[in-house]
Amino acid sequence: MLIPTTKGLMDEAMLVKKTGGVDDENEHTTWVEYWLDGEPKPVHRSVHVTLKKNINAEPIVGGF
């Protein structure tokens, strides 16, 4: 399978796959990272977050 990375499309067999997650009263989060040997940080990261509680927040309008 080809994985989109910061180095372009790469064959999954060339990469090290690492997974993780958090599951607490506020969220359920999972992630997948692909690492290339010799690189100091992952070349791909995918994250999925499910919030378990409603957030009451005002929308932020404007810029910096």
PDB file of N, CA and C in Angstrom:
ATOM      1  N   MET A   1       0.850  -1.162   0.000  1.00  0.00           N
ATOM      2  CA  MET A   1       0.000   0.000   0.000  1.00  0.00           C
ATOM      3  C   MET A   1       0.900   1.231   0.000  1.00  0.00           C
ATOM      4  N   LEU A   2       0.525   2.252  -0.744  1.00  0.00           N
ATOM      5  CA  LEU A   2       1.267   3.503  -0.771  1.00  0.00           C
ATOM      6  C   LEU A   2       0.739   4.448   0.303  1.00  0.00           C
ATOM      7  N   ILE A   3       1.651   5.067   1.039  1.00  0.00           N
ATOM      8  CA  ILE A   3       1.317   5.984   2.122  1.00  0.00           C
ATOM      9  C   ILE A   3       1.776   7.382   1.718  1.00  0.00           C
ATOM     10  N   PRO A   4       0.892   8.390   1.788  1.00  0.00           N
ATOM     11  CA  PRO A   4       1.350   9.757   1.524  1.00  0.00           C
ATOM     12  C   PRO A   4       2.212  10.244   2.687  1.00  0.00           C
ATOM     13  N   THR A   5       3.414  10.706   2.396  1.00  0.00           N
ATOM     14  CA  THR A   5       4.340  11.147   3.436  1.00  0.00           C
ATOM     15  C   THR A   5       4.913  12.515   3.070  1.00  0.00           C
ATOM     16  N   THR A   6       5.704  13.048   3.980  1.00  0.00           N
ATOM     17  CA  THR A   6       6.390  14.307   3.707  1.00  0.00           C
ATOM     18  C   THR A   6       7.463  14.133   2.640  1.00  0.00           C
ATOM     19  N   LYS A   7       7.777  12.910   2.283  1.00  0.00           N
ATOM     20  CA  LYS A   7       8.769  12.582   1.253  1.00  0.00           C
ATOM     21  C   LYS A   7       8.099  12.146  -0.042  1.00  0.00           C
ATOM     22  N   GLY A   8       6.779  12.278  -0.129  1.00  0.00           N
ATOM     23  CA  GLY A   8       6.017  11.795  -1.280  1.00  0.00           C
ATOM     24  C   GLY A   8       5.397  10.448  -0.958  1.00  0.00           C
ATOM     25  N   LEU A   9       4.791   9.816  -1.963  1.00  0.00           N
ATOM     26  CA  LEU A   9       4.184   8.502  -1.758  1.00  0.00           C
ATOM     27  C   LEU A   9       5.285   7.470  -1.523  1.00  0.00           C
ATOM     28  N   MET A  10       5.097   6.655  -0.469  1.00  0.00           N
ATOM     29  CA  MET A  10       6.075   5.625  -0.139  1.00  0.00           C
ATOM     30  C   MET A  10       5.369   4.309   0.122  1.00  0.00           C
ATOM     31  N   ASP A  11       6.033   3.216  -0.223  1.00  0.00           N
ATOM     32  CA  ASP A  11       5.513   1.887   0.046  1.00  0.00           C
ATOM     33  C   ASP A  11       5.534   1.655   1.561  1.00  0.00           C
ATOM     34  N   GLU A  12       4.429   1.173   2.100  1.00  0.00           N
ATOM     35  CA  GLU A  12       4.306   0.930   3.541  1.00  0.00           C
ATOM     36  C   GLU A  12       5.407  -0.008   4.054  1.00  0.00           C
ATOM     37  N   ALA A  13       5.885  -0.903   3.219  1.00  0.00           N
ATOM     38  CA  ALA A  13       6.915  -1.852   3.620  1.00  0.00           C
ATOM     39  C   ALA A  13       8.246  -1.162   3.953  1.00  0.00           C
ATOM     40  N   MET A  14       8.449   0.058   3.472  1.00  0.00           N
ATOM     41  CA  MET A  14       9.688   0.800   3.732  1.00  0.00           C
ATOM     42  C   MET A  14       9.632   1.564   5.054  1.00  0.00           C
ATOM     43  N   LEU A  15       8.474   1.583   5.704  1.00  0.00           N
ATOM     44  CA  LEU A  15       8.250   2.427   6.873  1.00  0.00           C
ATOM     45  C   LEU A  15       7.975   1.603   8.125  1.00  0.00           C
ATOM     46  N   VAL A  16       8.217   2.215   9.276  1.00  0.00           N
ATOM     47  CA  VAL A  16       7.875   1.603  10.563  1.00  0.00           C
ATOM     48  C   VAL A  16       6.563   2.226  11.025  1.00  0.00           C
ATOM     49  N   LYS A  17       5.554   1.396  11.284  1.00  0.00           N
ATOM     50  CA  LYS A  17       4.237   1.866  11.705  1.00  0.00           C
ATOM     51  C   LYS A  17       4.131   1.827  13.226  1.00  0.00           C
ATOM     52  N   LYS A  18       3.714   2.959  13.818  1.00  0.00           N
ATOM     53  CA  LYS A  18       3.492   3.034  15.262  1.00  0.00           C
ATOM     54  C   LYS A  18       2.083   3.563  15.495  1.00  0.00           C
ATOM     55  N   THR A  19       1.378   2.975  16.470  1.00  0.00           N
ATOM     56  CA  THR A  19       0.018   3.409  16.780  1.00  0.00           C
ATOM     57  C   THR A  19      -0.077   3.771  18.255  1.00  0.00           C
ATOM     58  N   GLY A  20      -1.079   4.561  18.585  1.00  0.00           N
ATOM     59  CA  GLY A  20      -1.299   4.922  19.973  1.00  0.00           C
ATOM     60  C   GLY A  20      -2.675   5.513  20.142  1.00  0.00           C
ATOM     61  N   GLY A  21      -2.966   5.883  21.380  1.00  0.00           N
ATOM     62  CA  GLY A  21      -4.276   6.466  21.624  1.00  0.00           C
ATOM     63  C   GLY A  21      -4.453   6.929  23.051  1.00  0.00           C
ATOM     64  N   VAL A  22      -5.543   7.655  23.233  1.00  0.00           N
ATOM     65  CA  VAL A  22      -5.964   8.167  24.537  1.00  0.00           C
ATOM     66  C   VAL A  22      -7.456   7.897  24.646  1.00  0.00           C
ATOM     67  N   ASP A  23      -7.880   7.423  25.795  1.00  0.00           N
ATOM     68  CA  ASP A  23      -9.310   7.223  26.019  1.00  0.00           C
ATOM     69  C   ASP A  23      -9.600   7.623  27.460  1.00  0.00           C
ATOM     70  N   ASP A  24     -10.244   8.773  27.627  1.00  0.00           N
ATOM     71  CA  ASP A  24     -10.599   9.245  28.965  1.00  0.00           C
ATOM     72  C   ASP A  24     -12.035   9.756  28.956  1.00  0.00           C
ATOM     73  N   GLU A  25     -12.437  10.442  30.009  1.00  0.00           N
ATOM     74  CA  GLU A  25     -13.835  10.893  30.101  1.00  0.00           C
ATOM     75  C   GLU A  25     -14.174  11.981  29.086  1.00  0.00           C
ATOM     76  N   ASN A  26     -13.174  12.630  28.497  1.00  0.00           N
ATOM     77  CA  ASN A  26     -13.422  13.718  27.557  1.00  0.00           C
ATOM     78  C   ASN A  26     -13.283  13.339  26.090  1.00  0.00           C
ATOM     79  N   GLU A  27     -12.431  12.381  25.798  1.00  0.00           N
ATOM     80  CA  GLU A  27     -12.140  12.082  24.398  1.00  0.00           C
ATOM     81  C   GLU A  27     -11.699  10.630  24.199  1.00  0.00           C
ATOM     82  N   HIS A  28     -11.843  10.187  22.957  1.00  0.00           N
ATOM     83  CA  HIS A  28     -11.258   8.932  22.496  1.00  0.00           C
ATOM     84  C   HIS A  28     -10.448   9.299  21.256  1.00  0.00           C
ATOM     85  N   THR A  29      -9.131   9.193  21.337  1.00  0.00           N
ATOM     86  CA  THR A  29      -8.242   9.597  20.261  1.00  0.00           C
ATOM     87  C   THR A  29      -7.342   8.426  19.886  1.00  0.00           C
ATOM     88  N   THR A  30      -7.200   8.197  18.584  1.00  0.00           N
ATOM     89  CA  THR A  30      -6.262   7.200  18.092  1.00  0.00           C
ATOM     90  C   THR A  30      -5.391   7.845  17.020  1.00  0.00           C
ATOM     91  N   TRP A  31      -4.160   7.354  16.910  1.00  0.00           N
ATOM     92  CA  TRP A  31      -3.282   7.870  15.871  1.00  0.00           C
ATOM     93  C   TRP A  31      -2.426   6.757  15.295  1.00  0.00           C
ATOM     94  N   VAL A  32      -1.987   7.014  14.062  1.00  0.00           N
ATOM     95  CA  VAL A  32      -1.071   6.133  13.347  1.00  0.00           C
ATOM     96  C   VAL A  32       0.066   7.007  12.837  1.00  0.00           C
ATOM     97  N   GLU A  33       1.287   6.581  13.097  1.00  0.00           N
ATOM     98  CA  GLU A  33       2.461   7.286  12.590  1.00  0.00           C
ATOM     99  C   GLU A  33       3.286   6.314  11.750  1.00  0.00           C
ATOM    100  N   TYR A  34       3.911   6.854  10.703  1.00  0.00           N
ATOM    101  CA  TYR A  34       4.855   6.086   9.902  1.00  0.00           C
ATOM    102  C   TYR A  34       6.200   6.794   9.984  1.00  0.00           C
ATOM    103  N   TRP A  35       7.223   6.009  10.323  1.00  0.00           N
ATOM    104  CA  TRP A  35       8.582   6.518  10.497  1.00  0.00           C
ATOM    105  C   TRP A  35       9.480   5.930   9.415  1.00  0.00           C
ATOM    106  N   LEU A  36      10.394   6.749   8.930  1.00  0.00           N
ATOM    107  CA  LEU A  36      11.411   6.323   7.983  1.00  0.00           C
ATOM    108  C   LEU A  36      12.732   6.262   8.728  1.00  0.00           C
ATOM    109  N   ASP A  37      13.448   5.159   8.583  1.00  0.00           N
ATOM    110  CA  ASP A  37      14.721   4.973   9.284  1.00  0.00           C
ATOM    111  C   ASP A  37      15.641   6.173   9.069  1.00  0.00           C
ATOM    112  N   GLY A  38      16.153   6.723  10.167  1.00  0.00           N
ATOM    113  CA  GLY A  38      17.069   7.846  10.099  1.00  0.00           C
ATOM    114  C   GLY A  38      16.416   9.212  10.206  1.00  0.00           C
ATOM    115  N   GLU A  39      15.110   9.281  10.107  1.00  0.00           N
ATOM    116  CA  GLU A  39      14.413  10.564  10.218  1.00  0.00           C
ATOM    117  C   GLU A  39      14.117  10.862  11.687  1.00  0.00           C
ATOM    118  N   PRO A  40      14.278  12.125  12.125  1.00  0.00           N
ATOM    119  CA  PRO A  40      14.070  12.457  13.542  1.00  0.00           C
ATOM    120  C   PRO A  40      12.601  12.569  13.949  1.00  0.00           C
ATOM    121  N   LYS A  41      11.696  12.607  12.975  1.00  0.00           N
ATOM    122  CA  LYS A  41      10.265  12.690  13.288  1.00  0.00           C
ATOM    123  C   LYS A  41       9.482  11.895  12.254  1.00  0.00           C
ATOM    124  N   PRO A  42       8.206  11.611  12.557  1.00  0.00           N
ATOM    125  CA  PRO A  42       7.425  10.791  11.613  1.00  0.00           C
ATOM    126  C   PRO A  42       7.257  11.484  10.268  1.00  0.00           C
ATOM    127  N   VAL A  43       7.169  10.686   9.215  1.00  0.00           N
ATOM    128  CA  VAL A  43       6.951  11.227   7.875  1.00  0.00           C
ATOM    129  C   VAL A  43       5.462  11.239   7.525  1.00  0.00           C
ATOM    130  N   HIS A  44       4.639  10.621   8.377  1.00  0.00           N
ATOM    131  CA  HIS A  44       3.173  10.652   8.210  1.00  0.00           C
ATOM    132  C   HIS A  44       2.532  10.446   9.581  1.00  0.00           C
ATOM    133  N   ARG A  45       1.461  11.195   9.823  1.00  0.00           N
ATOM    134  CA  ARG A  45       0.682  10.998  11.053  1.00  0.00           C
ATOM    135  C   ARG A  45      -0.790  11.234  10.712  1.00  0.00           C
ATOM    136  N   SER A  46      -1.628  10.283  11.104  1.00  0.00           N
ATOM    137  CA  SER A  46      -3.080  10.405  10.970  1.00  0.00           C
ATOM    138  C   SER A  46      -3.693  10.310  12.355  1.00  0.00           C
ATOM    139  N   VAL A  47      -4.671  11.177  12.638  1.00  0.00           N
ATOM    140  CA  VAL A  47      -5.293  11.223  13.960  1.00  0.00           C
ATOM    141  C   VAL A  47      -6.804  11.232  13.793  1.00  0.00           C
ATOM    142  N   HIS A  48      -7.494  10.495  14.678  1.00  0.00           N
ATOM    143  CA  HIS A  48      -8.955  10.531  14.724  1.00  0.00           C
ATOM    144  C   HIS A  48      -9.369  10.828  16.164  1.00  0.00           C
ATOM    145  N   VAL A  49     -10.181  11.879  16.336  1.00  0.00           N
ATOM    146  CA  VAL A  49     -10.623  12.287  17.669  1.00  0.00           C
ATOM    147  C   VAL A  49     -12.139  12.229  17.744  1.00  0.00           C
ATOM    148  N   THR A  50     -12.658  11.590  18.794  1.00  0.00           N
ATOM    149  CA  THR A  50     -14.084  11.605  19.094  1.00  0.00           C
ATOM    150  C   THR A  50     -14.254  12.246  20.465  1.00  0.00           C
ATOM    151  N   LEU A  51     -14.983  13.367  20.504  1.00  0.00           N
ATOM    152  CA  LEU A  51     -15.247  14.028  21.774  1.00  0.00           C
ATOM    153  C   LEU A  51     -16.434  13.354  22.444  1.00  0.00           C
ATOM    154  N   LYS A  52     -16.328  13.156  23.752  1.00  0.00           N
ATOM    155  CA  LYS A  52     -17.380  12.486  24.504  1.00  0.00           C
ATOM    156  C   LYS A  52     -18.325  13.466  25.195  1.00  0.00           C
ATOM    157  N   LYS A  53     -17.925  14.722  25.281  1.00  0.00           N
ATOM    158  CA  LYS A  53     -18.752  15.746  25.934  1.00  0.00           C
ATOM    159  C   LYS A  53     -18.955  16.906  24.977  1.00  0.00           C
ATOM    160  N   ASN A  54     -20.100  17.589  25.119  1.00  0.00           N
ATOM    161  CA  ASN A  54     -20.329  18.795  24.334  1.00  0.00           C
ATOM    162  C   ASN A  54     -19.401  19.895  24.822  1.00  0.00           C
ATOM    163  N   ILE A  55     -18.961  20.714  23.892  1.00  0.00           N
ATOM    164  CA  ILE A  55     -18.125  21.852  24.245  1.00  0.00           C
ATOM    165  C   ILE A  55     -18.965  23.110  24.051  1.00  0.00           C
ATOM    166  N   ASN A  56     -19.117  23.880  25.104  1.00  0.00           N
ATOM    167  CA  ASN A  56     -19.822  25.157  25.014  1.00  0.00           C
ATOM    168  C   ASN A  56     -18.789  26.252  24.824  1.00  0.00           C
ATOM    169  N   ALA A  57     -18.633  26.671  23.591  1.00  0.00           N
ATOM    170  CA  ALA A  57     -17.627  27.690  23.280  1.00  0.00           C
ATOM    171  C   ALA A  57     -18.186  28.645  22.235  1.00  0.00           C
ATOM    172  N   GLU A  58     -17.784  29.882  22.331  1.00  0.00           N
ATOM    173  CA  GLU A  58     -18.154  30.873  21.340  1.00  0.00           C
ATOM    174  C   GLU A  58     -17.214  30.731  20.142  1.00  0.00           C
ATOM    175  N   PRO A  59     -17.746  30.884  18.922  1.00  0.00           N
ATOM    176  CA  PRO A  59     -16.864  30.823  17.768  1.00  0.00           C
ATOM    177  C   PRO A  59     -15.902  32.007  17.759  1.00  0.00           C
ATOM    178  N   ILE A  60     -14.712  31.779  17.287  1.00  0.00           N
ATOM    179  CA  ILE A  60     -13.712  32.832  17.181  1.00  0.00           C
ATOM    180  C   ILE A  60     -13.778  33.409  15.783  1.00  0.00           C
ATOM    181  N   VAL A  61     -14.012  34.712  15.709  1.00  0.00           N
ATOM    182  CA  VAL A  61     -14.104  35.404  14.439  1.00  0.00           C
ATOM    183  C   VAL A  61     -13.028  36.475  14.406  1.00  0.00           C
ATOM    184  N   GLY A  62     -12.342  36.587  13.304  1.00  0.00           N
ATOM    185  CA  GLY A  62     -11.311  37.607  13.182  1.00  0.00           C
ATOM    186  C   GLY A  62      -9.982  36.980  12.858  1.00  0.00           C
ATOM    187  N   GLY A  63      -8.982  37.797  12.827  1.00  0.00           N
ATOM    188  CA  GLY A  63      -7.648  37.308  12.489  1.00  0.00           C
ATOM    189  C   GLY A  63      -6.625  37.842  13.450  1.00  0.00           C
ATOM    190  N   PHE A  64      -5.428  37.550  13.120  1.00  0.00           N
ATOM    191  CA  PHE A  64      -4.320  37.984  13.948  1.00  0.00           C
ATOM    192  C   PHE A  64      -3.749  39.282  13.438  1.00  0.00           C
TER     193      PHE A  64
END
